[in-house]
Amino acid sequence: MGATTFAWFTLTNTAKLDQFTVEVTTEEGVELSMDQTNWSSVITPTQFSAGLVTQGKTKPALTAVTTIDGATNFKTLSDLTSAGVGTFAAATAGVDYFEFTIYIRTTTASQDIYLSNANTEIEGTDINWTADKGFTPSTGVAVNAGGALTVNPEDAVRMSVQGTAIHVFELPEAGTNTSGQGFSWTKGALNYYANKKGYVNPTDPDGDANDFATTAVLNPLGTAYATAVAQTGSVAASGYYTTSVTVRIWLDGWDQECYNAIFGGVLNVKIGFTTDSSAA
């Protein structure tokens, strides 16, 4: 039952990456590239797809994973008993989550690069879901079997940008949905799974932090983030100073909104960079 009722435990349900688009933009004074040959201020979805080929990357069929720091040790979960004990396996970039590199250059040495608040967003499509089992969502308002809910993959998505450090982002709470992780069987996706499995008074998940709670700070997208995510070098090459960031995008299996229903959805991602900390 676990393989068909809860996204965190599934091996078959995946996000529609053929409808997962990524566009990268920047402001004047910064140029971007996926291949370190073709540079511009915008990487369109078409150029992005071509750049993935150059990097030897693939668009994965996103499964639900977790990671302690947003960059390493990604894991999937195949079972979670009523005792709160999980069975984990290593997740793979390009298979279970998305990973790619963006190259950045400026004409200024040691230039701080910021994530643009105005030009970075993640949007998903709303999905109408009829619950086949009564449970209590993250809102705390119980839903009976046959009850209607609206879910969205954006509520469970995470994005990390690794340059000078690892920066992890998520959407803030949207409406009545809670976008954070949840380790209580009493609400959200865990409560749905517990009711499907027939668990009675189960023990909340516990154990090795590497398998459970993300310890990285989750920064809300759409709000000011005036911390540089990268810095260009101090030695010029052909008149430009360069740097790069590695971006990872995943659906967090511990998120309270990570229901199987979201895996029929679509994600559109825009990433913007700027040199102006006040615009970050």
C-alpha atoms as a PDB file:
ATOM      1  CA  MET A   1       0.000   0.000   0.000  1.00  0.00           C
ATOM      2  CA  GLY A   2       2.872   2.341   0.752  1.00  0.00           C
ATOM      3  CA  ALA A   3       3.910   2.301  -2.892  1.00  0.00           C
ATOM      4  CA  THR A   4       0.588   3.681  -4.071  1.00  0.00           C
ATOM      5  CA  THR A   5      -0.711   5.958  -1.347  1.00  0.00           C
ATOM      6  CA  PHE A   6       1.997   8.436  -0.398  1.00  0.00           C
ATOM      7  CA  ALA A   7       4.477  10.214  -2.609  1.00  0.00           C
ATOM      8  CA  TRP A   8       7.406   9.824  -0.225  1.00  0.00           C
ATOM      9  CA  PHE A   9       7.121   6.062  -0.519  1.00  0.00           C
ATOM     10  CA  THR A  10       6.396   5.661  -4.207  1.00  0.00           C
ATOM     11  CA  LEU A  11       8.566   4.363  -6.998  1.00  0.00           C
ATOM     12  CA  THR A  12       6.048   4.976  -9.773  1.00  0.00           C
ATOM     13  CA  ASN A  13       4.634   8.478  -9.448  1.00  0.00           C
ATOM     14  CA  THR A  14       6.828  11.203 -10.882  1.00  0.00           C
ATOM     15  CA  ALA A  15       6.471  14.859 -11.774  1.00  0.00           C
ATOM     16  CA  LYS A  16       5.971  15.812 -15.417  1.00  0.00           C
ATOM     17  CA  LEU A  17       9.396  17.114 -16.255  1.00  0.00           C
ATOM     18  CA  ASP A  18       8.518  17.485 -19.929  1.00  0.00           C
ATOM     19  CA  GLN A  19       6.295  20.279 -18.646  1.00  0.00           C
ATOM     20  CA  PHE A  20       8.907  21.514 -16.168  1.00  0.00           C
ATOM     21  CA  THR A  21      10.424  24.702 -17.578  1.00  0.00           C
ATOM     22  CA  VAL A  22      13.376  26.723 -16.342  1.00  0.00           C
ATOM     23  CA  GLU A  23      14.255  30.260 -17.421  1.00  0.00           C
ATOM     24  CA  VAL A  24      17.282  32.120 -16.085  1.00  0.00           C
ATOM     25  CA  THR A  25      17.655  35.891 -16.309  1.00  0.00           C
ATOM     26  CA  THR A  26      19.960  38.585 -15.031  1.00  0.00           C
ATOM     27  CA  GLU A  27      20.297  42.345 -14.982  1.00  0.00           C
ATOM     28  CA  GLU A  28      22.626  44.650 -16.891  1.00  0.00           C
ATOM     29  CA  GLY A  29      26.289  44.037 -16.192  1.00  0.00           C
ATOM     30  CA  VAL A  30      25.985  40.276 -15.717  1.00  0.00           C
ATOM     31  CA  GLU A  31      26.101  37.551 -18.353  1.00  0.00           C
ATOM     32  CA  LEU A  32      25.039  33.935 -18.026  1.00  0.00           C
ATOM     33  CA  SER A  33      25.895  30.691 -19.764  1.00  0.00           C
ATOM     34  CA  MET A  34      25.211  26.975 -19.610  1.00  0.00           C
ATOM     35  CA  ASP A  35      28.258  26.015 -21.683  1.00  0.00           C
ATOM     36  CA  GLN A  36      30.844  28.783 -21.012  1.00  0.00           C
ATOM     37  CA  THR A  37      30.767  29.586 -24.742  1.00  0.00           C
ATOM     38  CA  ASN A  38      27.425  31.244 -25.409  1.00  0.00           C
ATOM     39  CA  TRP A  39      26.771  34.159 -23.048  1.00  0.00           C
ATOM     40  CA  SER A  40      23.697  36.381 -22.685  1.00  0.00           C
ATOM     41  CA  SER A  41      21.471  38.058 -20.121  1.00  0.00           C
ATOM     42  CA  VAL A  42      18.721  35.448 -20.573  1.00  0.00           C
ATOM     43  CA  ILE A  43      18.822  31.665 -20.777  1.00  0.00           C
ATOM     44  CA  THR A  44      15.501  30.692 -22.349  1.00  0.00           C
ATOM     45  CA  PRO A  45      13.881  27.289 -21.725  1.00  0.00           C
ATOM     46  CA  THR A  46      15.075  26.157 -25.164  1.00  0.00           C
ATOM     47  CA  GLN A  47      18.641  27.321 -24.505  1.00  0.00           C
ATOM     48  CA  PHE A  48      18.463  25.775 -21.062  1.00  0.00           C
ATOM     49  CA  SER A  49      17.533  22.365 -22.477  1.00  0.00           C
ATOM     50  CA  ALA A  50      20.409  22.586 -24.965  1.00  0.00           C
ATOM     51  CA  GLY A  51      22.759  23.555 -22.136  1.00  0.00           C
ATOM     52  CA  LEU A  52      21.762  20.492 -20.149  1.00  0.00           C
ATOM     53  CA  VAL A  53      22.927  18.325 -23.044  1.00  0.00           C
ATOM     54  CA  THR A  54      26.275  20.131 -23.061  1.00  0.00           C
ATOM     55  CA  GLN A  55      26.651  19.546 -19.327  1.00  0.00           C
ATOM     56  CA  GLY A  56      25.690  15.903 -19.672  1.00  0.00           C
ATOM     57  CA  LYS A  57      22.672  16.519 -17.447  1.00  0.00           C
ATOM     58  CA  THR A  58      19.145  15.210 -17.849  1.00  0.00           C
ATOM     59  CA  LYS A  59      15.728  16.350 -16.735  1.00  0.00           C
ATOM     60  CA  PRO A  60      14.756  13.784 -14.125  1.00  0.00           C
ATOM     61  CA  ALA A  61      11.297  12.477 -13.409  1.00  0.00           C
ATOM     62  CA  LEU A  62      11.194  14.030  -9.948  1.00  0.00           C
ATOM     63  CA  THR A  63      10.555  11.655  -7.088  1.00  0.00           C
ATOM     64  CA  ALA A  64      10.286  12.658  -3.442  1.00  0.00           C
ATOM     65  CA  VAL A  65      13.635  12.918  -1.688  1.00  0.00           C
ATOM     66  CA  THR A  66      15.215  14.543   1.321  1.00  0.00           C
ATOM     67  CA  THR A  67      18.623  16.051   2.046  1.00  0.00           C
ATOM     68  CA  ILE A  68      20.143  17.405   5.206  1.00  0.00           C
ATOM     69  CA  ASP A  69      21.946  20.371   3.632  1.00  0.00           C
ATOM     70  CA  GLY A  70      20.372  20.904   0.216  1.00  0.00           C
ATOM     71  CA  ALA A  71      23.408  19.680  -1.700  1.00  0.00           C
ATOM     72  CA  THR A  72      24.544  16.235  -0.543  1.00  0.00           C
ATOM     73  CA  ASN A  73      23.278  12.936   0.797  1.00  0.00           C
ATOM     74  CA  PHE A  74      19.932  12.990  -1.043  1.00  0.00           C
ATOM     75  CA  LYS A  75      17.800  10.016  -0.053  1.00  0.00           C
ATOM     76  CA  THR A  76      14.571   8.287  -0.942  1.00  0.00           C
ATOM     77  CA  LEU A  77      12.385   6.392   1.524  1.00  0.00           C
ATOM     78  CA  SER A  78      10.746   3.074   0.724  1.00  0.00           C
ATOM     79  CA  ASP A  79       8.996   2.343   4.012  1.00  0.00           C
ATOM     80  CA  LEU A  80       8.086   3.954   7.313  1.00  0.00           C
ATOM     81  CA  THR A  81       6.787   1.731  10.065  1.00  0.00           C
ATOM     82  CA  SER A  82       4.384   2.677  12.843  1.00  0.00           C
ATOM     83  CA  ALA A  83       7.452   2.750  15.098  1.00  0.00           C
ATOM     84  CA  GLY A  84       8.788   5.685  13.055  1.00  0.00           C
ATOM     85  CA  VAL A  85      11.625   3.663  11.543  1.00  0.00           C
ATOM     86  CA  GLY A  86      12.402   4.362   7.894  1.00  0.00           C
ATOM     87  CA  THR A  87      14.184   2.455   5.133  1.00  0.00           C
ATOM     88  CA  PHE A  88      16.365   4.798   3.074  1.00  0.00           C
ATOM     89  CA  ALA A  89      18.331   4.533  -0.147  1.00  0.00           C
ATOM     90  CA  ALA A  90      20.622   6.951  -1.950  1.00  0.00           C
ATOM     91  CA  ALA A  91      18.904   9.270  -4.448  1.00  0.00           C
ATOM     92  CA  THR A  92      20.531  10.131  -7.764  1.00  0.00           C
ATOM     93  CA  ALA A  93      20.885  13.510  -9.455  1.00  0.00           C
ATOM     94  CA  GLY A  94      19.218  13.458 -12.858  1.00  0.00           C
ATOM     95  CA  VAL A  95      16.988  10.602 -11.771  1.00  0.00           C
ATOM     96  CA  ASP A  96      15.313  11.630  -8.509  1.00  0.00           C
ATOM     97  CA  TYR A  97      16.109  15.344  -8.399  1.00  0.00           C
ATOM     98  CA  PHE A  98      17.335  18.095 -10.732  1.00  0.00           C
ATOM     99  CA  GLU A  99      20.912  19.391 -10.719  1.00  0.00           C
ATOM    100  CA  PHE A 100      22.632  21.766 -13.157  1.00  0.00           C
ATOM    101  CA  THR A 101      25.276  24.504 -13.312  1.00  0.00           C
ATOM    102  CA  ILE A 102      24.905  28.150 -14.312  1.00  0.00           C
ATOM    103  CA  TYR A 103      28.054  30.075 -15.245  1.00  0.00           C
ATOM    104  CA  ILE A 104      28.179  33.790 -14.452  1.00  0.00           C
ATOM    105  CA  ARG A 105      30.558  36.534 -15.546  1.00  0.00           C
ATOM    106  CA  THR A 106      30.987  40.278 -15.072  1.00  0.00           C
ATOM    107  CA  THR A 107      33.558  42.885 -16.037  1.00  0.00           C
ATOM    108  CA  THR A 108      34.199  43.571 -12.343  1.00  0.00           C
ATOM    109  CA  ALA A 109      36.537  41.528 -10.173  1.00  0.00           C
ATOM    110  CA  SER A 110      35.247  39.979  -6.946  1.00  0.00           C
ATOM    111  CA  GLN A 111      31.674  41.016  -7.809  1.00  0.00           C
ATOM    112  CA  ASP A 112      29.022  39.747  -5.395  1.00  0.00           C
ATOM    113  CA  ILE A 113      26.131  37.978  -7.118  1.00  0.00           C
ATOM    114  CA  TYR A 114      22.709  37.884  -5.484  1.00  0.00           C
ATOM    115  CA  LEU A 115      19.505  36.009  -6.185  1.00  0.00           C
ATOM    116  CA  SER A 116      17.044  38.539  -7.612  1.00  0.00           C
ATOM    117  CA  ASN A 117      13.926  38.710  -5.477  1.00  0.00           C
ATOM    118  CA  ALA A 118      11.823  40.144  -8.304  1.00  0.00           C
ATOM    119  CA  ASN A 119      12.920  37.596 -10.910  1.00  0.00           C
ATOM    120  CA  THR A 120      13.039  34.327  -8.991  1.00  0.00           C
ATOM    121  CA  GLU A 121       9.893  32.287  -8.566  1.00  0.00           C
ATOM    122  CA  ILE A 122       8.504  28.770  -8.624  1.00  0.00           C
ATOM    123  CA  GLU A 123       4.955  28.211  -9.794  1.00  0.00           C
ATOM    124  CA  GLY A 124       2.984  24.994  -9.942  1.00  0.00           C
ATOM    125  CA  THR A 125      -0.447  24.064 -11.213  1.00  0.00           C
ATOM    126  CA  ASP A 126      -3.335  23.553  -8.814  1.00  0.00           C
ATOM    127  CA  ILE A 127      -4.642  20.001  -8.749  1.00  0.00           C
ATOM    128  CA  ASN A 128      -8.112  19.037  -7.560  1.00  0.00           C
ATOM    129  CA  TRP A 129      -7.817  15.932  -5.408  1.00  0.00           C
ATOM    130  CA  THR A 130     -10.589  13.813  -3.911  1.00  0.00           C
ATOM    131  CA  ALA A 131      -9.282  12.138  -0.770  1.00  0.00           C
ATOM    132  CA  ASP A 132      -9.910   8.400  -0.746  1.00  0.00           C
ATOM    133  CA  LYS A 133      -9.340   8.274   3.007  1.00  0.00           C
ATOM    134  CA  GLY A 134     -10.287  10.648   5.787  1.00  0.00           C
ATOM    135  CA  PHE A 135      -7.351  12.507   7.333  1.00  0.00           C
ATOM    136  CA  THR A 136      -6.235  15.828   8.800  1.00  0.00           C
ATOM    137  CA  PRO A 137      -4.286  18.109   6.426  1.00  0.00           C
ATOM    138  CA  SER A 138      -1.677  20.583   7.641  1.00  0.00           C
ATOM    139  CA  THR A 139      -4.452  23.159   8.092  1.00  0.00           C
ATOM    140  CA  GLY A 140      -5.777  21.116  11.016  1.00  0.00           C
ATOM    141  CA  VAL A 141      -9.262  20.938   9.456  1.00  0.00           C
ATOM    142  CA  ALA A 142     -10.239  17.299   9.000  1.00  0.00           C
ATOM    143  CA  VAL A 143     -11.258  16.019   5.561  1.00  0.00           C
ATOM    144  CA  ASN A 144     -13.587  13.045   5.211  1.00  0.00           C
ATOM    145  CA  ALA A 145     -13.148  10.311   2.630  1.00  0.00           C
ATOM    146  CA  GLY A 146     -14.507  11.711  -0.619  1.00  0.00           C
ATOM    147  CA  GLY A 147     -13.669  15.253   0.448  1.00  0.00           C
ATOM    148  CA  ALA A 148     -12.179  17.669  -2.071  1.00  0.00           C
ATOM    149  CA  LEU A 149      -8.796  19.341  -1.673  1.00  0.00           C
ATOM    150  CA  THR A 150      -6.642  21.566  -3.852  1.00  0.00           C
ATOM    151  CA  VAL A 151      -2.955  20.623  -3.825  1.00  0.00           C
ATOM    152  CA  ASN A 152       0.024  22.035  -5.706  1.00  0.00           C
ATOM    153  CA  PRO A 153       3.582  20.713  -6.249  1.00  0.00           C
ATOM    154  CA  GLU A 154       4.979  24.188  -5.513  1.00  0.00           C
ATOM    155  CA  ASP A 155       4.050  23.669  -1.859  1.00  0.00           C
ATOM    156  CA  ALA A 156       6.540  20.787  -1.518  1.00  0.00           C
ATOM    157  CA  VAL A 157       9.359  22.008  -3.771  1.00  0.00           C
ATOM    158  CA  ARG A 158      12.815  23.103  -2.625  1.00  0.00           C
ATOM    159  CA  MET A 159      15.613  24.828  -4.527  1.00  0.00           C
ATOM    160  CA  SER A 160      19.227  25.207  -3.445  1.00  0.00           C
ATOM    161  CA  VAL A 161      21.879  27.460  -4.967  1.00  0.00           C
ATOM    162  CA  GLN A 162      25.458  26.459  -4.186  1.00  0.00           C
ATOM    163  CA  GLY A 163      28.175  29.008  -4.865  1.00  0.00           C
ATOM    164  CA  THR A 164      30.278  30.407  -2.056  1.00  0.00           C
ATOM    165  CA  ALA A 165      27.949  28.520   0.273  1.00  0.00           C
ATOM    166  CA  ILE A 166      24.741  26.465   0.099  1.00  0.00           C
ATOM    167  CA  HIS A 167      21.525  28.500   0.111  1.00  0.00           C
ATOM    168  CA  VAL A 168      18.219  26.635   0.347  1.00  0.00           C
ATOM    169  CA  PHE A 169      14.916  28.207  -0.650  1.00  0.00           C
ATOM    170  CA  GLU A 170      11.247  27.272  -0.428  1.00  0.00           C
ATOM    171  CA  LEU A 171       7.993  29.084  -1.016  1.00  0.00           C
ATOM    172  CA  PRO A 172       6.529  30.643   2.122  1.00  0.00           C
ATOM    173  CA  GLU A 173       3.165  29.487   3.401  1.00  0.00           C
ATOM    174  CA  ALA A 174       0.602  30.013   0.661  1.00  0.00           C
ATOM    175  CA  GLY A 175      -2.985  30.456   1.772  1.00  0.00           C
ATOM    176  CA  THR A 176      -3.755  27.693   4.254  1.00  0.00           C
ATOM    177  CA  ASN A 177      -1.034  25.316   3.125  1.00  0.00           C
ATOM    178  CA  THR A 178       2.062  24.771   5.219  1.00  0.00           C
ATOM    179  CA  SER A 179       5.173  24.363   3.110  1.00  0.00           C
ATOM    180  CA  GLY A 180       7.482  23.139   5.869  1.00  0.00           C
ATOM    181  CA  GLN A 181       8.581  19.670   6.855  1.00  0.00           C
ATOM    182  CA  GLY A 182       6.406  17.695   9.252  1.00  0.00           C
ATOM    183  CA  PHE A 183       7.321  14.760  11.466  1.00  0.00           C
ATOM    184  CA  SER A 184       4.019  14.364  13.303  1.00  0.00           C
ATOM    185  CA  TRP A 185       1.606  11.589  12.337  1.00  0.00           C
ATOM    186  CA  THR A 186      -1.293  13.840  13.399  1.00  0.00           C
ATOM    187  CA  LYS A 187      -1.513  16.015  10.269  1.00  0.00           C
ATOM    188  CA  GLY A 188      -0.496  16.479   6.677  1.00  0.00           C
ATOM    189  CA  ALA A 189       0.833  13.781   4.379  1.00  0.00           C
ATOM    190  CA  LEU A 190       2.016  11.642   7.293  1.00  0.00           C
ATOM    191  CA  ASN A 191      -1.476  11.570   8.760  1.00  0.00           C
ATOM    192  CA  TYR A 192      -2.905  10.551   5.401  1.00  0.00           C
ATOM    193  CA  TYR A 193      -0.356   7.750   5.137  1.00  0.00           C
ATOM    194  CA  ALA A 194      -0.977   6.582   8.717  1.00  0.00           C
ATOM    195  CA  ASN A 195      -4.725   6.366   8.093  1.00  0.00           C
ATOM    196  CA  LYS A 196      -4.187   4.474   4.840  1.00  0.00           C
ATOM    197  CA  LYS A 197      -1.896   2.016   6.614  1.00  0.00           C
ATOM    198  CA  GLY A 198      -4.217   1.681   9.590  1.00  0.00           C
ATOM    199  CA  TYR A 199      -1.555   2.737  12.094  1.00  0.00           C
ATOM    200  CA  VAL A 200      -2.890   3.259  15.624  1.00  0.00           C
ATOM    201  CA  ASN A 201      -0.959   5.663  17.860  1.00  0.00           C
ATOM    202  CA  PRO A 202       2.223   5.447  15.733  1.00  0.00           C
ATOM    203  CA  THR A 203       5.535   6.819  16.971  1.00  0.00           C
ATOM    204  CA  ASP A 204       6.718  10.001  15.264  1.00  0.00           C
ATOM    205  CA  PRO A 205       9.790   9.531  13.048  1.00  0.00           C
ATOM    206  CA  ASP A 206      13.057   9.863  14.918  1.00  0.00           C
ATOM    207  CA  GLY A 207      16.663   8.890  14.482  1.00  0.00           C
ATOM    208  CA  ASP A 208      19.692   9.954  12.455  1.00  0.00           C
ATOM    209  CA  ALA A 209      19.367  13.612  11.437  1.00  0.00           C
ATOM    210  CA  ASN A 210      20.914  12.755   8.083  1.00  0.00           C
ATOM    211  CA  ASP A 211      17.808  10.711   7.342  1.00  0.00           C
ATOM    212  CA  PHE A 212      15.289  13.128   8.736  1.00  0.00           C
ATOM    213  CA  ALA A 213      15.074  16.850   9.435  1.00  0.00           C
ATOM    214  CA  THR A 214      16.819  19.282   7.106  1.00  0.00           C
ATOM    215  CA  THR A 215      19.209  21.342   9.193  1.00  0.00           C
ATOM    216  CA  ALA A 216      19.845  23.939   6.484  1.00  0.00           C
ATOM    217  CA  VAL A 217      18.087  27.289   6.887  1.00  0.00           C
ATOM    218  CA  LEU A 218      15.101  27.403   4.518  1.00  0.00           C
ATOM    219  CA  ASN A 219      14.908  30.893   3.040  1.00  0.00           C
ATOM    220  CA  PRO A 220      11.488  31.949   1.712  1.00  0.00           C
ATOM    221  CA  LEU A 221      11.379  32.736  -1.992  1.00  0.00           C
ATOM    222  CA  GLY A 222       9.772  36.037  -2.870  1.00  0.00           C
ATOM    223  CA  THR A 223      11.240  37.887   0.084  1.00  0.00           C
ATOM    224  CA  ALA A 224      14.468  39.857   0.403  1.00  0.00           C
ATOM    225  CA  TYR A 225      17.628  37.739   0.535  1.00  0.00           C
ATOM    226  CA  ALA A 226      20.542  40.177   0.631  1.00  0.00           C
ATOM    227  CA  THR A 227      23.209  37.495   0.980  1.00  0.00           C
ATOM    228  CA  ALA A 228      25.506  36.890  -1.967  1.00  0.00           C
ATOM    229  CA  VAL A 229      25.128  33.415  -3.473  1.00  0.00           C
ATOM    230  CA  ALA A 230      28.398  33.695  -5.417  1.00  0.00           C
ATOM    231  CA  GLN A 231      31.311  36.016  -6.147  1.00  0.00           C
ATOM    232  CA  THR A 232      33.214  36.414  -9.402  1.00  0.00           C
ATOM    233  CA  GLY A 233      36.925  35.711  -9.430  1.00  0.00           C
ATOM    234  CA  SER A 234      39.802  38.142  -9.074  1.00  0.00           C
ATOM    235  CA  VAL A 235      41.664  37.049 -12.211  1.00  0.00           C
ATOM    236  CA  ALA A 236      40.234  38.105 -15.577  1.00  0.00           C
ATOM    237  CA  ALA A 237      39.898  35.814 -18.585  1.00  0.00           C
ATOM    238  CA  SER A 238      39.300  37.651 -21.880  1.00  0.00           C
ATOM    239  CA  GLY A 239      38.234  40.713 -19.944  1.00  0.00           C
ATOM    240  CA  TYR A 240      35.679  38.924 -17.749  1.00  0.00           C
ATOM    241  CA  TYR A 241      35.657  37.644 -14.196  1.00  0.00           C
ATOM    242  CA  THR A 242      33.717  34.423 -13.808  1.00  0.00           C
ATOM    243  CA  THR A 243      32.053  32.196 -11.255  1.00  0.00           C
ATOM    244  CA  SER A 244      29.381  29.506 -11.245  1.00  0.00           C
ATOM    245  CA  VAL A 245      26.564  28.163  -9.110  1.00  0.00           C
ATOM    246  CA  THR A 246      25.073  24.693  -8.893  1.00  0.00           C
ATOM    247  CA  VAL A 247      21.286  24.658  -8.672  1.00  0.00           C
ATOM    248  CA  ARG A 248      19.306  21.713  -7.309  1.00  0.00           C
ATOM    249  CA  ILE A 249      15.529  21.371  -7.352  1.00  0.00           C
ATOM    250  CA  TRP A 250      13.611  18.633  -5.580  1.00  0.00           C
ATOM    251  CA  LEU A 251      10.320  17.678  -4.005  1.00  0.00           C
ATOM    252  CA  ASP A 252      10.826  17.206  -0.282  1.00  0.00           C
ATOM    253  CA  GLY A 253       9.365  13.929   0.892  1.00  0.00           C
ATOM    254  CA  TRP A 254       8.998  15.168   4.459  1.00  0.00           C
ATOM    255  CA  ASP A 255       6.946  18.182   3.405  1.00  0.00           C
ATOM    256  CA  GLN A 256       3.431  18.132   4.829  1.00  0.00           C
ATOM    257  CA  GLU A 257       2.049  18.856   1.345  1.00  0.00           C
ATOM    258  CA  CYS A 258       3.895  16.028  -0.430  1.00  0.00           C
ATOM    259  CA  TYR A 259       0.872  13.964  -1.482  1.00  0.00           C
ATOM    260  CA  ASN A 260       0.852  11.588  -4.431  1.00  0.00           C
ATOM    261  CA  ALA A 261      -1.606  13.884  -6.181  1.00  0.00           C
ATOM    262  CA  ILE A 262       1.014  16.604  -6.700  1.00  0.00           C
ATOM    263  CA  PHE A 263       3.025  14.286  -8.943  1.00  0.00           C
ATOM    264  CA  GLY A 264       0.565  14.896 -11.761  1.00  0.00           C
ATOM    265  CA  GLY A 265       1.382  18.585 -11.730  1.00  0.00           C
ATOM    266  CA  VAL A 266       3.587  21.032 -13.599  1.00  0.00           C
ATOM    267  CA  LEU A 267       6.403  23.224 -12.239  1.00  0.00           C
ATOM    268  CA  ASN A 268       7.678  26.408 -13.858  1.00  0.00           C
ATOM    269  CA  VAL A 269      10.887  27.864 -12.430  1.00  0.00           C
ATOM    270  CA  LYS A 270      12.415  31.302 -13.004  1.00  0.00           C
ATOM    271  CA  ILE A 271      15.809  32.156 -11.545  1.00  0.00           C
ATOM    272  CA  GLY A 272      17.162  35.692 -11.596  1.00  0.00           C
ATOM    273  CA  PHE A 273      20.548  37.094 -10.613  1.00  0.00           C
ATOM    274  CA  THR A 274      21.621  40.623  -9.785  1.00  0.00           C
ATOM    275  CA  THR A 275      24.649  42.546  -8.506  1.00  0.00           C
ATOM    276  CA  ASP A 276      22.432  44.913  -6.515  1.00  0.00           C
ATOM    277  CA  SER A 277      21.990  43.717  -2.938  1.00  0.00           C
ATOM    278  CA  SER A 278      19.041  46.068  -2.464  1.00  0.00           C
ATOM    279  CA  ALA A 279      17.177  44.195  -5.226  1.00  0.00           C
ATOM    280  CA  ALA A 280      17.966  40.801  -3.788  1.00  0.00           C
END
